[in-house]
Each structure stands twice: as structure tokens, then as C-alpha cells.
Protein backbone atom coordinates (compact mmCIF):
# COMPACT_ATOMS: atom_id res chain seq x y z
CA MET A 1 48.96 -250.33 -22.35
CA LYS A 2 48.65 -253.04 -19.68
CA LYS A 3 49.46 -256.59 -20.91
CA ASN A 4 46.73 -259.15 -19.86
CA ILE A 5 48.20 -262.58 -20.96
CA ASP A 6 45.44 -264.37 -19.21
CA LEU A 7 42.79 -262.93 -21.30
CA GLY A 8 44.90 -263.51 -24.25
CA LEU A 9 45.17 -267.11 -23.43
CA LEU A 10 41.49 -267.39 -22.96
CA VAL A 11 40.86 -265.82 -26.36
CA LEU A 12 43.25 -268.28 -27.89
CA ARG A 13 41.74 -271.29 -26.16
CA VAL A 14 37.98 -270.35 -27.22
CA THR A 15 39.04 -269.52 -30.90
CA ILE A 16 41.14 -272.76 -31.63
CA ALA A 17 38.52 -274.90 -29.72
CA VAL A 18 35.24 -273.45 -30.68
CA LEU A 19 36.50 -273.66 -34.57
CA MET A 20 37.40 -277.14 -34.15
CA LEU A 21 34.01 -277.88 -32.51
CA PHE A 22 32.52 -277.21 -35.87
CA HIS A 23 34.36 -279.92 -37.49
CA GLY A 24 33.91 -282.29 -34.79
CA VAL A 25 29.80 -281.76 -34.84
CA ALA A 26 29.65 -282.17 -38.48
CA LYS A 27 31.38 -285.58 -38.24
CA LEU A 28 28.76 -286.76 -35.65
CA SER A 29 26.58 -287.63 -38.44
CA ASN A 30 29.04 -288.77 -41.13
CA LEU A 31 32.00 -290.89 -39.73
CA ASP A 32 31.98 -293.23 -42.69
CA GLY A 33 34.50 -291.09 -44.84
CA ILE A 34 37.04 -291.26 -41.97
CA LYS A 35 36.40 -295.04 -41.51
CA HIS A 36 36.97 -295.65 -45.18
CA MET A 37 40.37 -293.46 -45.23
CA LEU A 38 41.41 -295.34 -42.10
CA THR A 39 40.86 -298.90 -43.63
CA GLU A 40 42.56 -297.65 -46.66
CA ALA A 41 45.69 -296.71 -44.70
CA GLY A 42 45.53 -300.07 -42.96
CA ILE A 43 44.24 -299.01 -39.68
CA PRO A 44 41.26 -300.41 -37.94
CA GLU A 45 38.06 -298.36 -38.49
CA VAL A 46 37.49 -298.32 -34.71
CA PHE A 47 40.15 -295.71 -34.67
CA ALA A 48 37.82 -293.30 -36.52
CA TYR A 49 35.97 -292.71 -33.09
CA GLY A 50 39.20 -291.00 -31.97
CA VAL A 51 38.26 -287.97 -33.92
CA PHE A 52 35.41 -287.40 -31.16
CA ILE A 53 37.88 -287.17 -28.83
CA THR A 54 40.20 -284.84 -30.88
CA GLU A 55 37.40 -282.75 -32.33
CA LEU A 56 34.68 -282.75 -29.65
CA LEU A 57 36.15 -283.70 -26.12
CA ALA A 58 39.48 -282.10 -26.20
CA PRO A 59 38.04 -278.70 -27.57
CA ILE A 60 35.31 -278.71 -24.97
CA LEU A 61 38.07 -279.16 -22.14
CA ILE A 62 40.25 -276.47 -23.76
CA ILE A 63 37.14 -274.07 -23.69
CA ILE A 64 36.23 -274.50 -20.04
CA GLY A 65 39.77 -274.88 -19.03
CA PHE A 66 39.73 -278.29 -17.27
CA ARG A 67 42.78 -280.37 -17.72
CA THR A 68 43.62 -277.87 -20.41
CA ARG A 69 47.35 -278.98 -20.96
CA LEU A 70 46.28 -282.58 -21.45
CA ALA A 71 43.40 -281.78 -23.56
CA SER A 72 45.65 -279.67 -25.68
CA VAL A 73 48.48 -282.44 -26.06
CA VAL A 74 45.67 -284.90 -27.26
CA PHE A 75 44.41 -282.18 -29.46
CA PHE A 76 47.89 -281.45 -30.98
CA LEU A 77 48.54 -285.17 -31.58
CA GLY A 78 45.04 -285.68 -33.09
CA MET A 79 45.97 -282.99 -35.54
CA ILE A 80 49.31 -284.43 -36.40
CA THR A 81 47.68 -287.86 -37.07
CA ALA A 82 44.99 -286.26 -39.38
CA LEU A 83 47.88 -284.35 -41.17
CA LEU A 84 49.84 -287.49 -41.77
CA ILE A 85 46.84 -289.85 -42.74
CA ALA A 86 44.63 -287.46 -44.54
CA HIS A 87 46.78 -284.84 -45.87
CA ALA A 88 50.18 -286.24 -46.26
CA GLU A 89 50.14 -285.70 -50.06
CA HIS A 90 49.55 -281.86 -49.43
CA LEU A 91 52.75 -281.59 -47.04
CA PHE A 92 54.64 -279.26 -49.16
CA ALA A 93 51.90 -278.30 -51.50
CA LEU A 94 50.76 -274.71 -52.04
CA SER A 95 47.28 -273.39 -52.51
CA ASN A 96 46.03 -271.15 -55.38
CA THR A 97 46.82 -268.20 -53.15
CA GLY A 98 50.33 -269.15 -52.44
CA GLY A 99 49.93 -270.53 -48.75
CA LEU A 100 50.36 -273.95 -47.67
CA GLN A 101 47.25 -276.20 -48.30
CA ILE A 102 47.86 -277.71 -44.73
CA GLU A 103 48.13 -274.42 -42.95
CA LEU A 104 44.68 -274.67 -41.18
CA ILE A 105 45.81 -278.04 -39.73
CA LEU A 106 49.18 -276.35 -38.82
CA LEU A 107 47.23 -273.48 -36.99
CA TYR A 108 45.20 -275.83 -35.07
CA ALA A 109 48.19 -278.14 -34.15
CA PHE A 110 50.46 -275.35 -33.11
CA GLY A 111 47.85 -273.22 -31.42
CA ALA A 112 47.21 -276.46 -29.19
CA LEU A 113 50.94 -276.68 -28.73
CA VAL A 114 51.01 -273.16 -27.39
CA ILE A 115 48.36 -273.88 -24.89
CA PHE A 116 50.10 -276.98 -23.86
CA PHE A 117 53.27 -274.82 -23.10
CA THR A 118 51.43 -271.98 -21.42
CA GLY A 119 48.59 -273.48 -19.67
CA PRO A 120 45.09 -272.20 -19.64
CA GLY A 121 45.69 -268.80 -17.92
CA LYS A 122 43.59 -267.90 -14.78
CA TYR A 123 40.39 -267.64 -16.56
CA ALA A 124 39.83 -271.51 -16.46
CA VAL A 125 37.71 -273.98 -14.24
CA SER A 126 40.80 -275.52 -12.89
CA THR A 127 44.46 -274.13 -12.80
CA SER A 128 45.96 -275.72 -9.86
CA LYS A 129 46.78 -279.18 -11.02
CA SER A 130 49.97 -280.13 -13.09
CA TRP A 131 47.83 -280.87 -16.32
CA ASP A 132 45.70 -277.64 -15.99
């Protein structure tokens, strides 16, 4: 069977980004919980708007393949930030089924990291710049 790495990268990009978009869209109407969490951690609540960059803008750029590597590193850093701020107490905790409680965040973060290292593949809006 012939390998199609570019198609695999497209599937990875679209899957990771579309699934994250659901989280971002849900936060459009309710940002208060994130603001509260940040102020409890001593971080100004204005940084709560960064969630829109991480969960809306970056995924859209990843889906269409525009500045994909830049968007994926922003996405990765946003996931690591969310992990450290909102889920630090679960870092080594196991769920009822035996997996890590933070496995979804890790899948998003390291999926974005893979996209950063590989680039978008040929099925992307832009593939010629260094951040594509």
C-alpha cells in the first residue's frame, strides 16, 4: 500500500483542530469561569481572552493550513498553560478507567507539537513560508 503522509497530516490537523474548536466555541458565551481561575492563581483576568487565541484562532489556522507551524506552537503552549493552571493537581492522577486524567490535554498538546515539527503537508492554503 502506498503511503500518503500529506493526507495523514491533513487528517491529524483537522481532527485536533476541529475537536478543540468545540471547546473554544463553548467558551464564547462563558468566560467567567476562566477569569475566576486566573485571578485565583494571581494572573490578571485579561489573560482569559488568550483562550480564544488558543481554542479558536489557532485551530482555524491549523485547519486551513495557514501559518500552521506558528499556530500549532501557540496551540501547544496554550495547552501546556491550561494544564499547569487548571489541571496541575491532576498531573499524575489516574481516572476511574486507569488512564491519566489529563490525557486529553496531552493528546491535544502533543498532536500540536507533531504538527509543529512536520508542518501542514501539501494540502494546506500556504506551504511555502517557514512558519507553514
